[in-house]
Amino acid sequence: MTPVAYTRIPRIDKALIARAARISVADLHEGLGAVAGRQCLMSVQMRPMHRGRPVCGQAVTCYNFPGDNLMLHVAARLAEAGDVLVVTNGGTPHGALWGDVMTHFCQTRGIAGAVIDGAARDTDRIAEMGFPVYSTHISVSHPEKRGPGSANVPVVVAGVTVNPGDLIVADSDGVMAIPPHLLEAAVANAEAREAKETAIRKRIDGGETIYDIMGLQAEVDASGMVEIEGTWQDAQG
């Protein structure tokens, strides 16, 4: 198979990306609905190397042969400011895909972050640099630069198919890849959810309980639960 690299990705309206960037991964996940929300959510193995560094930007993807990171360098050359590099070698820890020198390069280019299905290294240095990196493994394992692989093609990353141009959103809770055609509805639903939760917090501050605000008595009644006055020990005689 001949390696291939596509030079461009389909672009999403910047104003819509800015709206998404203000929303948590949890709210966007809920905004997508039960099915799409699960389809877009990466495995819990994908974790931030350092907490408190959210990411929101379009995916520039690459597949690297296990033990190799040549195509990462191709993808990094093609990425534009605000993009997120989405990198995989099939999820193996062999051959670190990411390190501090690539981090420095991406910072100079204004790249927003990196999502790595494979190994990253130089974690202490990257922490000092303040660049958002999410990965499934941490390992210093030496990478070759021989190929094969491809850039800006669909890739499977931590259980999710990511197409070039998908919106990557990530925070300490997890990482999602949202296809452009689902983004407007996801953002609108998430914004509505945020407004609803703000109203709930105000009601809690006013002395109400979540139980009553959410009307959970009907759900409890439907469950058939029996409420017994007293302690469990009392019931034992």
C-alpha atoms as a PDB file:
ATOM      1  CA  MET A   1       0.000   0.000   0.000  1.00  0.00           C
ATOM      2  CA  THR A   2       1.370   3.388  -1.019  1.00  0.00           C
ATOM      3  CA  PRO A   3       1.349   5.998   1.773  1.00  0.00           C
ATOM      4  CA  VAL A   4      -0.943   8.953   1.073  1.00  0.00           C
ATOM      5  CA  ALA A   5      -1.332  12.392   2.631  1.00  0.00           C
ATOM      6  CA  TYR A   6      -4.197  14.737   1.868  1.00  0.00           C
ATOM      7  CA  THR A   7      -3.213  18.380   2.282  1.00  0.00           C
ATOM      8  CA  ARG A   8      -6.542  19.870   3.418  1.00  0.00           C
ATOM      9  CA  ILE A   9      -9.501  19.124   5.704  1.00  0.00           C
ATOM     10  CA  PRO A  10     -13.097  20.397   5.388  1.00  0.00           C
ATOM     11  CA  ARG A  11     -13.440  23.524   7.520  1.00  0.00           C
ATOM     12  CA  ILE A  12     -16.141  24.235  10.134  1.00  0.00           C
ATOM     13  CA  ASP A  13     -17.439  27.747  10.768  1.00  0.00           C
ATOM     14  CA  LYS A  14     -15.131  29.354  13.342  1.00  0.00           C
ATOM     15  CA  ALA A  15     -18.017  30.882  15.271  1.00  0.00           C
ATOM     16  CA  LEU A  16     -19.515  27.423  15.804  1.00  0.00           C
ATOM     17  CA  ILE A  17     -16.148  26.086  17.001  1.00  0.00           C
ATOM     18  CA  ALA A  18     -15.923  28.991  19.444  1.00  0.00           C
ATOM     19  CA  ARG A  19     -19.352  28.116  20.847  1.00  0.00           C
ATOM     20  CA  ALA A  20     -18.313  24.482  21.270  1.00  0.00           C
ATOM     21  CA  ALA A  21     -15.093  25.519  23.005  1.00  0.00           C
ATOM     22  CA  ARG A  22     -17.092  27.088  25.846  1.00  0.00           C
ATOM     23  CA  ILE A  23     -18.947  23.823  26.582  1.00  0.00           C
ATOM     24  CA  SER A  24     -17.776  20.847  28.634  1.00  0.00           C
ATOM     25  CA  VAL A  25     -17.287  17.416  27.094  1.00  0.00           C
ATOM     26  CA  ALA A  26     -20.006  16.077  29.401  1.00  0.00           C
ATOM     27  CA  ASP A  27     -22.593  18.555  28.123  1.00  0.00           C
ATOM     28  CA  LEU A  28     -21.654  18.007  24.472  1.00  0.00           C
ATOM     29  CA  HIS A  29     -21.867  14.253  25.055  1.00  0.00           C
ATOM     30  CA  GLU A  30     -25.394  14.661  26.419  1.00  0.00           C
ATOM     31  CA  GLY A  31     -26.238  17.122  23.651  1.00  0.00           C
ATOM     32  CA  LEU A  32     -25.505  14.499  21.005  1.00  0.00           C
ATOM     33  CA  GLY A  33     -28.050  12.076  22.474  1.00  0.00           C
ATOM     34  CA  ALA A  34     -27.659   8.532  23.727  1.00  0.00           C
ATOM     35  CA  VAL A  35     -26.522   6.859  20.488  1.00  0.00           C
ATOM     36  CA  ALA A  36     -24.326   9.492  18.824  1.00  0.00           C
ATOM     37  CA  GLY A  37     -22.943  10.532  22.201  1.00  0.00           C
ATOM     38  CA  ARG A  38     -21.558   7.046  22.773  1.00  0.00           C
ATOM     39  CA  GLN A  39     -20.322   6.705  19.198  1.00  0.00           C
ATOM     40  CA  CYS A  40     -18.304   9.917  19.473  1.00  0.00           C
ATOM     41  CA  LEU A  41     -16.829   9.282  22.933  1.00  0.00           C
ATOM     42  CA  MET A  42     -13.352   7.765  23.039  1.00  0.00           C
ATOM     43  CA  SER A  43     -12.431   4.951  25.399  1.00  0.00           C
ATOM     44  CA  VAL A  44     -11.591   5.832  28.993  1.00  0.00           C
ATOM     45  CA  GLN A  45      -8.031   4.734  28.172  1.00  0.00           C
ATOM     46  CA  MET A  46      -7.646   8.111  26.459  1.00  0.00           C
ATOM     47  CA  ARG A  47      -6.600  10.388  29.320  1.00  0.00           C
ATOM     48  CA  PRO A  48      -4.989  13.808  29.692  1.00  0.00           C
ATOM     49  CA  MET A  49      -1.283  13.735  30.438  1.00  0.00           C
ATOM     50  CA  HIS A  50      -1.884  16.793  32.620  1.00  0.00           C
ATOM     51  CA  ARG A  51      -5.283  17.924  33.888  1.00  0.00           C
ATOM     52  CA  GLY A  52      -6.876  21.306  33.390  1.00  0.00           C
ATOM     53  CA  ARG A  53      -5.966  21.765  29.733  1.00  0.00           C
ATOM     54  CA  PRO A  54      -9.090  21.491  27.563  1.00  0.00           C
ATOM     55  CA  VAL A  55      -8.901  21.234  23.782  1.00  0.00           C
ATOM     56  CA  CYS A  56     -11.267  22.198  20.987  1.00  0.00           C
ATOM     57  CA  GLY A  57     -10.215  22.123  17.343  1.00  0.00           C
ATOM     58  CA  GLN A  58     -10.544  20.267  14.074  1.00  0.00           C
ATOM     59  CA  ALA A  59      -8.825  16.945  13.554  1.00  0.00           C
ATOM     60  CA  VAL A  60      -5.758  16.528  11.383  1.00  0.00           C
ATOM     61  CA  THR A  61      -5.321  12.766  11.435  1.00  0.00           C
ATOM     62  CA  CYS A  62      -2.556  10.297  10.771  1.00  0.00           C
ATOM     63  CA  TYR A  63      -1.993   6.560  10.941  1.00  0.00           C
ATOM     64  CA  ASN A  64       1.516   5.384  11.791  1.00  0.00           C
ATOM     65  CA  PHE A  65       2.874   1.880  11.411  1.00  0.00           C
ATOM     66  CA  PRO A  66       3.371   0.350  14.894  1.00  0.00           C
ATOM     67  CA  GLY A  67       6.756   1.394  16.248  1.00  0.00           C
ATOM     68  CA  ASP A  68       7.010   4.303  13.783  1.00  0.00           C
ATOM     69  CA  ASN A  69       5.976   7.981  13.815  1.00  0.00           C
ATOM     70  CA  LEU A  70       6.927   9.235  10.351  1.00  0.00           C
ATOM     71  CA  MET A  71       3.368  10.176   9.427  1.00  0.00           C
ATOM     72  CA  LEU A  72       3.003  12.266  12.569  1.00  0.00           C
ATOM     73  CA  HIS A  73       5.634  14.594  11.142  1.00  0.00           C
ATOM     74  CA  VAL A  74       3.742  14.785   7.857  1.00  0.00           C
ATOM     75  CA  ALA A  75       0.478  15.602   9.663  1.00  0.00           C
ATOM     76  CA  ALA A  76       2.167  18.217  11.851  1.00  0.00           C
ATOM     77  CA  ARG A  77       3.488  19.934   8.728  1.00  0.00           C
ATOM     78  CA  LEU A  78      -0.020  20.055   7.242  1.00  0.00           C
ATOM     79  CA  ALA A  79      -1.851  21.226  10.391  1.00  0.00           C
ATOM     80  CA  GLU A  80      -2.925  24.849  10.770  1.00  0.00           C
ATOM     81  CA  ALA A  81      -3.270  27.033  13.841  1.00  0.00           C
ATOM     82  CA  GLY A  82      -6.177  25.850  15.990  1.00  0.00           C
ATOM     83  CA  ASP A  83      -6.129  22.290  14.659  1.00  0.00           C
ATOM     84  CA  VAL A  84      -5.734  19.195  16.836  1.00  0.00           C
ATOM     85  CA  LEU A  85      -3.379  16.412  15.784  1.00  0.00           C
ATOM     86  CA  VAL A  86      -5.093  13.027  16.090  1.00  0.00           C
ATOM     87  CA  VAL A  87      -2.464  10.312  15.934  1.00  0.00           C
ATOM     88  CA  THR A  88      -2.627   6.521  16.087  1.00  0.00           C
ATOM     89  CA  ASN A  89      -0.451   3.476  15.577  1.00  0.00           C
ATOM     90  CA  GLY A  90      -3.307   1.117  16.362  1.00  0.00           C
ATOM     91  CA  GLY A  91      -2.996   1.810  20.077  1.00  0.00           C
ATOM     92  CA  THR A  92       0.279  -0.002  20.742  1.00  0.00           C
ATOM     93  CA  PRO A  93       2.707   1.391  23.351  1.00  0.00           C
ATOM     94  CA  HIS A  94       5.681   0.464  21.162  1.00  0.00           C
ATOM     95  CA  GLY A  95       7.398   3.470  19.607  1.00  0.00           C
ATOM     96  CA  ALA A  96       6.535   6.780  21.258  1.00  0.00           C
ATOM     97  CA  LEU A  97       4.428   8.834  18.899  1.00  0.00           C
ATOM     98  CA  TRP A  98       4.841  12.130  20.754  1.00  0.00           C
ATOM     99  CA  GLY A  99       7.494  14.019  22.722  1.00  0.00           C
ATOM    100  CA  ASP A 100       8.707  17.441  23.812  1.00  0.00           C
ATOM    101  CA  VAL A 101      10.311  18.491  20.518  1.00  0.00           C
ATOM    102  CA  MET A 102       7.072  17.901  18.610  1.00  0.00           C
ATOM    103  CA  THR A 103       5.266  19.759  21.385  1.00  0.00           C
ATOM    104  CA  HIS A 104       7.561  22.749  20.909  1.00  0.00           C
ATOM    105  CA  PHE A 105       7.008  22.696  17.152  1.00  0.00           C
ATOM    106  CA  CYS A 106       3.239  22.602  17.571  1.00  0.00           C
ATOM    107  CA  GLN A 107       3.284  25.460  20.047  1.00  0.00           C
ATOM    108  CA  THR A 108       5.208  27.626  17.582  1.00  0.00           C
ATOM    109  CA  ARG A 109       2.570  26.824  14.933  1.00  0.00           C
ATOM    110  CA  GLY A 110      -0.429  27.551  17.170  1.00  0.00           C
ATOM    111  CA  ILE A 111      -1.713  23.974  17.036  1.00  0.00           C
ATOM    112  CA  ALA A 112      -4.321  23.487  19.757  1.00  0.00           C
ATOM    113  CA  GLY A 113      -3.371  20.059  21.116  1.00  0.00           C
ATOM    114  CA  ALA A 114      -2.744  16.391  20.423  1.00  0.00           C
ATOM    115  CA  VAL A 115      -4.758  13.204  20.895  1.00  0.00           C
ATOM    116  CA  ILE A 116      -2.546  10.125  20.776  1.00  0.00           C
ATOM    117  CA  ASP A 117      -3.762   6.522  20.533  1.00  0.00           C
ATOM    118  CA  GLY A 118      -0.369   5.119  21.417  1.00  0.00           C
ATOM    119  CA  ALA A 119       2.536   6.295  23.544  1.00  0.00           C
ATOM    120  CA  ALA A 120       3.682   9.783  24.492  1.00  0.00           C
ATOM    121  CA  ARG A 121       6.799  10.632  26.468  1.00  0.00           C
ATOM    122  CA  ASP A 122       8.692  13.601  27.979  1.00  0.00           C
ATOM    123  CA  THR A 123       5.732  14.128  30.276  1.00  0.00           C
ATOM    124  CA  ASP A 124       7.475  16.385  32.805  1.00  0.00           C
ATOM    125  CA  ARG A 125       8.805  18.689  30.101  1.00  0.00           C
ATOM    126  CA  ILE A 126       5.425  18.850  28.368  1.00  0.00           C
ATOM    127  CA  ALA A 127       3.814  19.742  31.697  1.00  0.00           C
ATOM    128  CA  GLU A 128       6.172  22.699  31.995  1.00  0.00           C
ATOM    129  CA  MET A 129       5.312  23.750  28.437  1.00  0.00           C
ATOM    130  CA  GLY A 130       1.584  23.739  29.159  1.00  0.00           C
ATOM    131  CA  PHE A 131       0.552  22.034  25.924  1.00  0.00           C
ATOM    132  CA  PRO A 132      -2.564  19.789  25.986  1.00  0.00           C
ATOM    133  CA  VAL A 133      -1.741  16.161  25.189  1.00  0.00           C
ATOM    134  CA  TYR A 134      -4.130  13.238  25.623  1.00  0.00           C
ATOM    135  CA  SER A 135      -2.841   9.696  25.212  1.00  0.00           C
ATOM    136  CA  THR A 136      -3.616   6.042  25.871  1.00  0.00           C
ATOM    137  CA  HIS A 137      -0.046   5.164  26.902  1.00  0.00           C
ATOM    138  CA  ILE A 138       3.094   6.769  28.320  1.00  0.00           C
ATOM    139  CA  SER A 139       6.357   5.131  27.241  1.00  0.00           C
ATOM    140  CA  VAL A 140       9.843   6.202  26.189  1.00  0.00           C
ATOM    141  CA  SER A 141       9.981   3.401  23.602  1.00  0.00           C
ATOM    142  CA  HIS A 142      12.088   4.463  20.594  1.00  0.00           C
ATOM    143  CA  PRO A 143      10.143   5.262  17.369  1.00  0.00           C
ATOM    144  CA  GLU A 144      11.459   4.659  13.858  1.00  0.00           C
ATOM    145  CA  LYS A 145      10.730   7.008  10.941  1.00  0.00           C
ATOM    146  CA  ARG A 146      10.274   4.715   7.997  1.00  0.00           C
ATOM    147  CA  GLY A 147       6.520   4.453   7.412  1.00  0.00           C
ATOM    148  CA  PRO A 148       4.262   3.263   5.990  1.00  0.00           C
ATOM    149  CA  GLY A 149       1.162   5.172   6.993  1.00  0.00           C
ATOM    150  CA  SER A 150      -1.117   7.989   5.866  1.00  0.00           C
ATOM    151  CA  ALA A 151      -2.220  11.501   6.844  1.00  0.00           C
ATOM    152  CA  ASN A 152      -5.658  13.116   6.773  1.00  0.00           C
ATOM    153  CA  VAL A 153      -7.500   9.849   6.240  1.00  0.00           C
ATOM    154  CA  PRO A 154     -10.137   8.245   8.514  1.00  0.00           C
ATOM    155  CA  VAL A 155      -8.542   6.584  11.543  1.00  0.00           C
ATOM    156  CA  VAL A 156      -9.826   4.612  14.513  1.00  0.00           C
ATOM    157  CA  VAL A 157      -8.671   6.220  17.760  1.00  0.00           C
ATOM    158  CA  ALA A 158      -9.515   4.711  21.157  1.00  0.00           C
ATOM    159  CA  GLY A 159     -12.572   3.009  19.689  1.00  0.00           C
ATOM    160  CA  VAL A 160     -13.903   5.966  17.666  1.00  0.00           C
ATOM    161  CA  THR A 161     -13.678   6.538  13.930  1.00  0.00           C
ATOM    162  CA  VAL A 162     -12.246  10.019  13.414  1.00  0.00           C
ATOM    163  CA  ASN A 163     -12.491  11.662  10.009  1.00  0.00           C
ATOM    164  CA  PRO A 164     -10.249  14.560   9.003  1.00  0.00           C
ATOM    165  CA  GLY A 165     -12.065  17.758   9.995  1.00  0.00           C
ATOM    166  CA  ASP A 166     -14.120  16.261  12.845  1.00  0.00           C
ATOM    167  CA  LEU A 167     -14.232  18.534  15.865  1.00  0.00           C
ATOM    168  CA  ILE A 168     -12.114  17.233  18.730  1.00  0.00           C
ATOM    169  CA  VAL A 169     -13.253  18.336  22.181  1.00  0.00           C
ATOM    170  CA  ALA A 170     -11.378  17.203  25.273  1.00  0.00           C
ATOM    171  CA  ASP A 171     -11.146  18.005  28.947  1.00  0.00           C
ATOM    172  CA  SER A 172     -10.352  16.127  32.158  1.00  0.00           C
ATOM    173  CA  ASP A 173     -13.522  14.039  31.723  1.00  0.00           C
ATOM    174  CA  GLY A 174     -12.678  12.586  28.313  1.00  0.00           C
ATOM    175  CA  VAL A 175     -12.250  13.090  24.568  1.00  0.00           C
ATOM    176  CA  MET A 176     -14.847  13.203  21.805  1.00  0.00           C
ATOM    177  CA  ALA A 177     -14.720  13.450  18.016  1.00  0.00           C
ATOM    178  CA  ILE A 178     -17.868  15.134  16.674  1.00  0.00           C
ATOM    179  CA  PRO A 179     -18.646  14.933  12.939  1.00  0.00           C
ATOM    180  CA  PRO A 180     -19.400  18.377  11.451  1.00  0.00           C
ATOM    181  CA  HIS A 181     -22.960  17.457  10.461  1.00  0.00           C
ATOM    182  CA  LEU A 182     -23.821  16.717  14.111  1.00  0.00           C
ATOM    183  CA  LEU A 183     -22.087  19.717  15.642  1.00  0.00           C
ATOM    184  CA  GLU A 184     -24.736  22.447  15.371  1.00  0.00           C
ATOM    185  CA  ALA A 185     -27.389  20.337  17.091  1.00  0.00           C
ATOM    186  CA  ALA A 186     -24.930  19.111  19.712  1.00  0.00           C
ATOM    187  CA  VAL A 187     -23.908  22.653  20.616  1.00  0.00           C
ATOM    188  CA  ALA A 188     -27.474  23.962  20.697  1.00  0.00           C
ATOM    189  CA  ASN A 189     -28.635  21.068  22.881  1.00  0.00           C
ATOM    190  CA  ALA A 190     -25.645  21.471  25.196  1.00  0.00           C
ATOM    191  CA  GLU A 191     -26.265  25.201  25.563  1.00  0.00           C
ATOM    192  CA  ALA A 192     -29.886  24.492  26.460  1.00  0.00           C
ATOM    193  CA  ARG A 193     -28.714  21.911  28.993  1.00  0.00           C
ATOM    194  CA  GLU A 194     -26.327  24.415  30.564  1.00  0.00           C
ATOM    195  CA  ALA A 195     -29.139  26.952  30.907  1.00  0.00           C
ATOM    196  CA  LYS A 196     -31.383  24.334  32.531  1.00  0.00           C
ATOM    197  CA  GLU A 197     -28.664  23.334  35.005  1.00  0.00           C
ATOM    198  CA  THR A 198     -28.047  26.988  35.889  1.00  0.00           C
ATOM    199  CA  ALA A 199     -31.725  27.294  36.754  1.00  0.00           C
ATOM    200  CA  ILE A 200     -31.550  24.108  38.852  1.00  0.00           C
ATOM    201  CA  ARG A 201     -28.596  25.470  40.818  1.00  0.00           C
ATOM    202  CA  LYS A 202     -30.570  28.619  41.609  1.00  0.00           C
ATOM    203  CA  ARG A 203     -33.452  26.502  42.894  1.00  0.00           C
ATOM    204  CA  ILE A 204     -31.042  24.472  45.050  1.00  0.00           C
ATOM    205  CA  ASP A 205     -29.658  27.720  46.456  1.00  0.00           C
ATOM    206  CA  GLY A 206     -33.261  28.613  47.288  1.00  0.00           C
ATOM    207  CA  GLY A 207     -33.619  25.507  49.451  1.00  0.00           C
ATOM    208  CA  GLU A 208     -35.178  22.940  47.079  1.00  0.00           C
ATOM    209  CA  THR A 209     -33.872  19.389  46.712  1.00  0.00           C
ATOM    210  CA  ILE A 210     -32.714  17.778  43.473  1.00  0.00           C
ATOM    211  CA  TYR A 211     -35.197  14.987  44.233  1.00  0.00           C
ATOM    212  CA  ASP A 212     -38.142  17.379  44.067  1.00  0.00           C
ATOM    213  CA  ILE A 213     -36.789  19.560  41.260  1.00  0.00           C
ATOM    214  CA  MET A 214     -36.391  16.520  39.009  1.00  0.00           C
ATOM    215  CA  GLY A 215     -39.737  15.035  40.032  1.00  0.00           C
ATOM    216  CA  LEU A 216     -38.170  11.730  41.013  1.00  0.00           C
ATOM    217  CA  GLN A 217     -41.008  10.560  43.242  1.00  0.00           C
ATOM    218  CA  ALA A 218     -42.893   9.249  40.223  1.00  0.00           C
ATOM    219  CA  GLU A 219     -39.828   7.248  39.152  1.00  0.00           C
ATOM    220  CA  VAL A 220     -39.397   5.860  42.665  1.00  0.00           C
ATOM    221  CA  ASP A 221     -43.081   4.872  42.811  1.00  0.00           C
ATOM    222  CA  ALA A 222     -42.780   3.115  39.450  1.00  0.00           C
ATOM    223  CA  SER A 223     -39.766   1.153  40.720  1.00  0.00           C
ATOM    224  CA  GLY A 224     -41.870  -0.466  43.442  1.00  0.00           C
ATOM    225  CA  MET A 225     -39.513   0.632  46.211  1.00  0.00           C
ATOM    226  CA  VAL A 226     -40.829   0.211  49.748  1.00  0.00           C
ATOM    227  CA  GLU A 227     -39.911   2.939  52.217  1.00  0.00           C
ATOM    228  CA  ILE A 228     -39.721   1.708  55.809  1.00  0.00           C
ATOM    229  CA  GLU A 229     -39.772   4.051  58.795  1.00  0.00           C
ATOM    230  CA  GLY A 230     -36.823   3.182  61.035  1.00  0.00           C
ATOM    231  CA  THR A 231     -33.396   1.552  60.726  1.00  0.00           C
ATOM    232  CA  TRP A 232     -32.299  -1.674  59.060  1.00  0.00           C
ATOM    233  CA  GLN A 233     -31.315  -2.983  62.499  1.00  0.00           C
ATOM    234  CA  ASP A 234     -34.848  -2.367  63.800  1.00  0.00           C
ATOM    235  CA  ALA A 235     -36.244  -4.498  60.985  1.00  0.00           C
ATOM    236  CA  GLN A 236     -34.085  -7.452  62.053  1.00  0.00           C
ATOM    237  CA  GLY A 237     -35.996  -7.687  65.321  1.00  0.00           C
END
